[in-house]
Amino acid sequence: MKIALLALLGLLLGALGGAALGIGAGLAWVEIFQTTGFEGYSGMLVFFTFMPIGAAIGGLAGALLFGVTAARDAEMAARQSPTAPFDGTAGP
């Protein structure tokens, strides 16, 4: 359950970050290639092309990263050997 929730959190955060990076990449594209701004064409290009692509890639990457990290953490916790009970003495 923890792995699934962390994967969903990664999906959400990755989609937000990817959308922001997509907007930045789209604005750079518009400036570099001098895309026309006639009737809002450059804005539609950025917000209907670059932003969704960035959100999709970022969401998948975030979900994968958070899911793998949570799975590794769960695997490490399962392999951990139990500690010896404390007997009141200090040192070995």
N, C-alpha and C. Protein backbone atom coordinates (compact mmCIF):
# COMPACT_ATOMS: atom_id res chain seq x y z
N MET A 1 0.82 -1.19 0.00
CA MET A 1 0.00 0.00 0.00
C MET A 1 0.87 1.25 0.00
N LYS A 2 1.95 1.21 0.79
CA LYS A 2 2.85 2.36 0.86
C LYS A 2 3.49 2.61 -0.51
N ILE A 3 3.84 1.55 -1.21
CA ILE A 3 4.47 1.69 -2.52
C ILE A 3 3.50 2.34 -3.50
N ALA A 4 2.25 1.91 -3.49
CA ALA A 4 1.25 2.46 -4.41
C ALA A 4 0.99 3.94 -4.11
N LEU A 5 0.90 4.29 -2.84
CA LEU A 5 0.66 5.70 -2.50
C LEU A 5 1.85 6.58 -2.87
N LEU A 6 3.04 6.08 -2.66
CA LEU A 6 4.21 6.86 -3.05
C LEU A 6 4.32 6.98 -4.57
N ALA A 7 3.91 5.93 -5.29
CA ALA A 7 3.90 6.01 -6.76
C ALA A 7 2.89 7.05 -7.23
N LEU A 8 1.73 7.11 -6.59
CA LEU A 8 0.74 8.13 -6.95
C LEU A 8 1.25 9.53 -6.63
N LEU A 9 1.93 9.68 -5.50
CA LEU A 9 2.52 10.97 -5.15
C LEU A 9 3.58 11.36 -6.18
N GLY A 10 4.39 10.40 -6.59
CA GLY A 10 5.38 10.66 -7.62
C GLY A 10 4.75 11.03 -8.94
N LEU A 11 3.62 10.40 -9.27
CA LEU A 11 2.90 10.74 -10.49
C LEU A 11 2.43 12.18 -10.45
N LEU A 12 1.86 12.59 -9.34
CA LEU A 12 1.35 13.95 -9.20
C LEU A 12 2.48 14.98 -9.25
N LEU A 13 3.51 14.77 -8.45
CA LEU A 13 4.61 15.73 -8.42
C LEU A 13 5.38 15.74 -9.74
N GLY A 14 5.55 14.58 -10.34
CA GLY A 14 6.24 14.52 -11.63
C GLY A 14 5.45 15.21 -12.72
N ALA A 15 4.12 15.07 -12.70
CA ALA A 15 3.30 15.74 -13.71
C ALA A 15 3.37 17.25 -13.56
N LEU A 16 3.35 17.74 -12.33
CA LEU A 16 3.47 19.18 -12.11
C LEU A 16 4.83 19.72 -12.56
N GLY A 17 5.87 19.02 -12.16
CA GLY A 17 7.21 19.45 -12.56
C GLY A 17 7.43 19.33 -14.06
N GLY A 18 6.94 18.25 -14.65
CA GLY A 18 7.08 18.07 -16.09
C GLY A 18 6.32 19.11 -16.88
N ALA A 19 5.13 19.48 -16.39
CA ALA A 19 4.36 20.52 -17.07
C ALA A 19 5.10 21.85 -17.03
N ALA A 20 5.70 22.16 -15.89
CA ALA A 20 6.46 23.40 -15.77
C ALA A 20 7.68 23.39 -16.71
N LEU A 21 8.37 22.26 -16.77
CA LEU A 21 9.51 22.16 -17.68
C LEU A 21 9.05 22.20 -19.14
N GLY A 22 7.89 21.62 -19.42
CA GLY A 22 7.34 21.67 -20.77
C GLY A 22 7.01 23.09 -21.20
N ILE A 23 6.45 23.87 -20.29
CA ILE A 23 6.17 25.28 -20.60
C ILE A 23 7.47 26.02 -20.88
N GLY A 24 8.48 25.77 -20.06
CA GLY A 24 9.78 26.41 -20.29
C GLY A 24 10.38 26.01 -21.62
N ALA A 25 10.31 24.74 -21.96
CA ALA A 25 10.84 24.27 -23.25
C ALA A 25 10.05 24.87 -24.40
N GLY A 26 8.72 24.96 -24.24
CA GLY A 26 7.90 25.56 -25.29
C GLY A 26 8.19 27.02 -25.50
N LEU A 27 8.38 27.75 -24.42
CA LEU A 27 8.72 29.18 -24.55
C LEU A 27 10.09 29.35 -25.21
N ALA A 28 11.03 28.47 -24.87
CA ALA A 28 12.34 28.53 -25.52
C ALA A 28 12.21 28.22 -27.01
N TRP A 29 11.39 27.24 -27.37
CA TRP A 29 11.16 26.89 -28.77
C TRP A 29 10.59 28.08 -29.54
N VAL A 30 9.61 28.74 -28.95
CA VAL A 30 8.98 29.88 -29.60
C VAL A 30 9.99 31.01 -29.84
N GLU A 31 10.86 31.24 -28.86
CA GLU A 31 11.84 32.30 -29.01
C GLU A 31 12.94 31.93 -29.99
N ILE A 32 13.43 30.70 -29.93
CA ILE A 32 14.54 30.29 -30.79
C ILE A 32 14.11 30.23 -32.25
N PHE A 33 12.95 29.65 -32.52
CA PHE A 33 12.51 29.45 -33.90
C PHE A 33 11.57 30.54 -34.40
N GLN A 34 11.41 31.61 -33.62
CA GLN A 34 10.61 32.77 -34.01
C GLN A 34 9.23 32.37 -34.52
N THR A 35 8.53 31.55 -33.71
CA THR A 35 7.19 31.12 -34.07
C THR A 35 6.24 32.31 -34.07
N THR A 36 5.39 32.37 -35.06
CA THR A 36 4.48 33.49 -35.18
C THR A 36 3.48 33.53 -34.02
N GLY A 37 3.12 34.75 -33.62
CA GLY A 37 2.16 34.92 -32.55
C GLY A 37 0.78 35.29 -33.07
N PHE A 38 0.56 35.10 -34.35
CA PHE A 38 -0.70 35.48 -34.98
C PHE A 38 -1.86 34.71 -34.37
N GLU A 39 -2.83 35.42 -33.84
CA GLU A 39 -4.02 34.87 -33.18
C GLU A 39 -3.68 33.86 -32.08
N GLY A 40 -2.58 34.09 -31.39
CA GLY A 40 -2.22 33.25 -30.26
C GLY A 40 -1.63 31.91 -30.61
N TYR A 41 -1.10 31.78 -31.82
CA TYR A 41 -0.57 30.49 -32.25
C TYR A 41 0.57 30.02 -31.35
N SER A 42 1.48 30.91 -30.99
CA SER A 42 2.62 30.49 -30.18
C SER A 42 2.18 30.03 -28.78
N GLY A 43 1.19 30.71 -28.21
CA GLY A 43 0.67 30.29 -26.90
C GLY A 43 -0.02 28.95 -26.96
N MET A 44 -0.79 28.72 -28.04
CA MET A 44 -1.46 27.42 -28.19
C MET A 44 -0.44 26.31 -28.39
N LEU A 45 0.64 26.62 -29.11
CA LEU A 45 1.70 25.63 -29.31
C LEU A 45 2.30 25.21 -27.97
N VAL A 46 2.59 26.20 -27.14
CA VAL A 46 3.20 25.91 -25.84
C VAL A 46 2.24 25.14 -24.94
N PHE A 47 1.01 25.61 -24.80
CA PHE A 47 0.11 25.04 -23.80
C PHE A 47 -0.65 23.81 -24.27
N PHE A 48 -0.76 23.59 -25.57
CA PHE A 48 -1.45 22.40 -26.05
C PHE A 48 -0.52 21.32 -26.58
N THR A 49 0.77 21.62 -26.70
CA THR A 49 1.73 20.62 -27.20
C THR A 49 2.81 20.33 -26.16
N PHE A 50 3.57 21.36 -25.81
CA PHE A 50 4.72 21.14 -24.94
C PHE A 50 4.31 20.81 -23.50
N MET A 51 3.32 21.50 -22.97
CA MET A 51 2.92 21.26 -21.58
C MET A 51 2.37 19.84 -21.37
N PRO A 52 1.45 19.33 -22.20
CA PRO A 52 0.96 17.96 -21.97
C PRO A 52 2.05 16.90 -22.15
N ILE A 53 2.93 17.10 -23.13
CA ILE A 53 4.01 16.13 -23.33
C ILE A 53 4.94 16.13 -22.11
N GLY A 54 5.28 17.32 -21.61
CA GLY A 54 6.13 17.40 -20.41
C GLY A 54 5.46 16.80 -19.20
N ALA A 55 4.15 17.02 -19.04
CA ALA A 55 3.41 16.46 -17.91
C ALA A 55 3.37 14.93 -17.98
N ALA A 56 3.18 14.39 -19.17
CA ALA A 56 3.13 12.93 -19.32
C ALA A 56 4.48 12.30 -19.01
N ILE A 57 5.54 12.86 -19.57
CA ILE A 57 6.88 12.31 -19.33
C ILE A 57 7.26 12.48 -17.86
N GLY A 58 7.01 13.64 -17.29
CA GLY A 58 7.33 13.88 -15.89
C GLY A 58 6.53 13.00 -14.95
N GLY A 59 5.25 12.79 -15.24
CA GLY A 59 4.42 11.93 -14.40
C GLY A 59 4.90 10.49 -14.40
N LEU A 60 5.23 9.97 -15.58
CA LEU A 60 5.75 8.60 -15.65
C LEU A 60 7.09 8.47 -14.93
N ALA A 61 7.96 9.44 -15.14
CA ALA A 61 9.27 9.39 -14.49
C ALA A 61 9.15 9.52 -12.97
N GLY A 62 8.29 10.41 -12.50
CA GLY A 62 8.10 10.57 -11.06
C GLY A 62 7.50 9.34 -10.41
N ALA A 63 6.50 8.75 -11.05
CA ALA A 63 5.88 7.54 -10.50
C ALA A 63 6.88 6.40 -10.47
N LEU A 64 7.66 6.26 -11.52
CA LEU A 64 8.67 5.19 -11.56
C LEU A 64 9.74 5.41 -10.50
N LEU A 65 10.21 6.63 -10.38
CA LEU A 65 11.26 6.93 -9.39
C LEU A 65 10.77 6.70 -7.97
N PHE A 66 9.60 7.23 -7.62
CA PHE A 66 9.08 7.06 -6.27
C PHE A 66 8.72 5.60 -6.00
N GLY A 67 8.15 4.91 -6.98
CA GLY A 67 7.77 3.50 -6.80
C GLY A 67 8.98 2.61 -6.58
N VAL A 68 10.02 2.80 -7.38
CA VAL A 68 11.24 1.99 -7.23
C VAL A 68 11.91 2.29 -5.90
N THR A 69 11.94 3.56 -5.51
CA THR A 69 12.54 3.92 -4.23
C THR A 69 11.78 3.29 -3.06
N ALA A 70 10.45 3.32 -3.11
CA ALA A 70 9.65 2.73 -2.04
C ALA A 70 9.80 1.21 -2.02
N ALA A 71 9.88 0.58 -3.19
CA ALA A 71 10.05 -0.86 -3.25
C ALA A 71 11.40 -1.28 -2.69
N ARG A 72 12.44 -0.52 -2.99
CA ARG A 72 13.76 -0.82 -2.44
C ARG A 72 13.76 -0.67 -0.93
N ASP A 73 13.10 0.37 -0.44
CA ASP A 73 13.04 0.60 1.00
C ASP A 73 12.32 -0.56 1.68
N ALA A 74 11.22 -1.03 1.08
CA ALA A 74 10.48 -2.15 1.66
C ALA A 74 11.31 -3.43 1.62
N GLU A 75 12.07 -3.61 0.54
CA GLU A 75 12.92 -4.80 0.44
C GLU A 75 14.04 -4.77 1.47
N MET A 76 14.62 -3.60 1.69
CA MET A 76 15.69 -3.47 2.68
C MET A 76 15.15 -3.72 4.08
N ALA A 77 13.95 -3.26 4.38
CA ALA A 77 13.36 -3.46 5.70
C ALA A 77 13.04 -4.94 5.92
N ALA A 78 12.65 -5.65 4.87
CA ALA A 78 12.33 -7.07 5.00
C ALA A 78 13.58 -7.90 5.22
N ARG A 79 14.71 -7.49 4.66
CA ARG A 79 15.96 -8.25 4.80
C ARG A 79 16.70 -7.97 6.09
N GLN A 80 16.34 -6.94 6.81
CA GLN A 80 17.05 -6.53 8.01
C GLN A 80 16.91 -7.60 9.09
N SER A 81 18.04 -7.98 9.70
CA SER A 81 17.99 -9.00 10.75
C SER A 81 17.52 -8.37 12.06
N PRO A 82 16.82 -9.13 12.88
CA PRO A 82 16.35 -8.57 14.15
C PRO A 82 17.54 -8.30 15.08
N THR A 83 17.41 -7.26 15.87
CA THR A 83 18.49 -6.91 16.80
C THR A 83 18.34 -7.73 18.08
N ALA A 84 19.47 -7.91 18.74
CA ALA A 84 19.47 -8.66 20.01
C ALA A 84 18.81 -7.80 21.09
N PRO A 85 18.12 -8.41 22.03
CA PRO A 85 17.50 -7.65 23.10
C PRO A 85 18.55 -6.98 23.98
N PHE A 86 18.22 -5.82 24.53
CA PHE A 86 19.14 -5.08 25.37
C PHE A 86 19.21 -5.75 26.73
N ASP A 87 20.43 -6.09 27.19
CA ASP A 87 20.58 -6.76 28.48
C ASP A 87 21.06 -5.85 29.59
N GLY A 88 21.18 -4.55 29.33
CA GLY A 88 21.53 -3.60 30.39
C GLY A 88 23.00 -3.31 30.47
N THR A 89 23.85 -3.99 29.73
CA THR A 89 25.28 -3.72 29.79
C THR A 89 25.67 -2.79 28.64
N ALA A 90 26.73 -2.03 28.85
CA ALA A 90 27.21 -1.13 27.81
C ALA A 90 28.42 -1.78 27.14
N GLY A 91 28.46 -1.71 25.84
CA GLY A 91 29.60 -2.22 25.10
C GLY A 91 29.44 -3.70 24.76
N PRO A 92 30.42 -4.23 23.97
CA PRO A 92 30.34 -5.64 23.53
C PRO A 92 30.71 -6.64 24.58
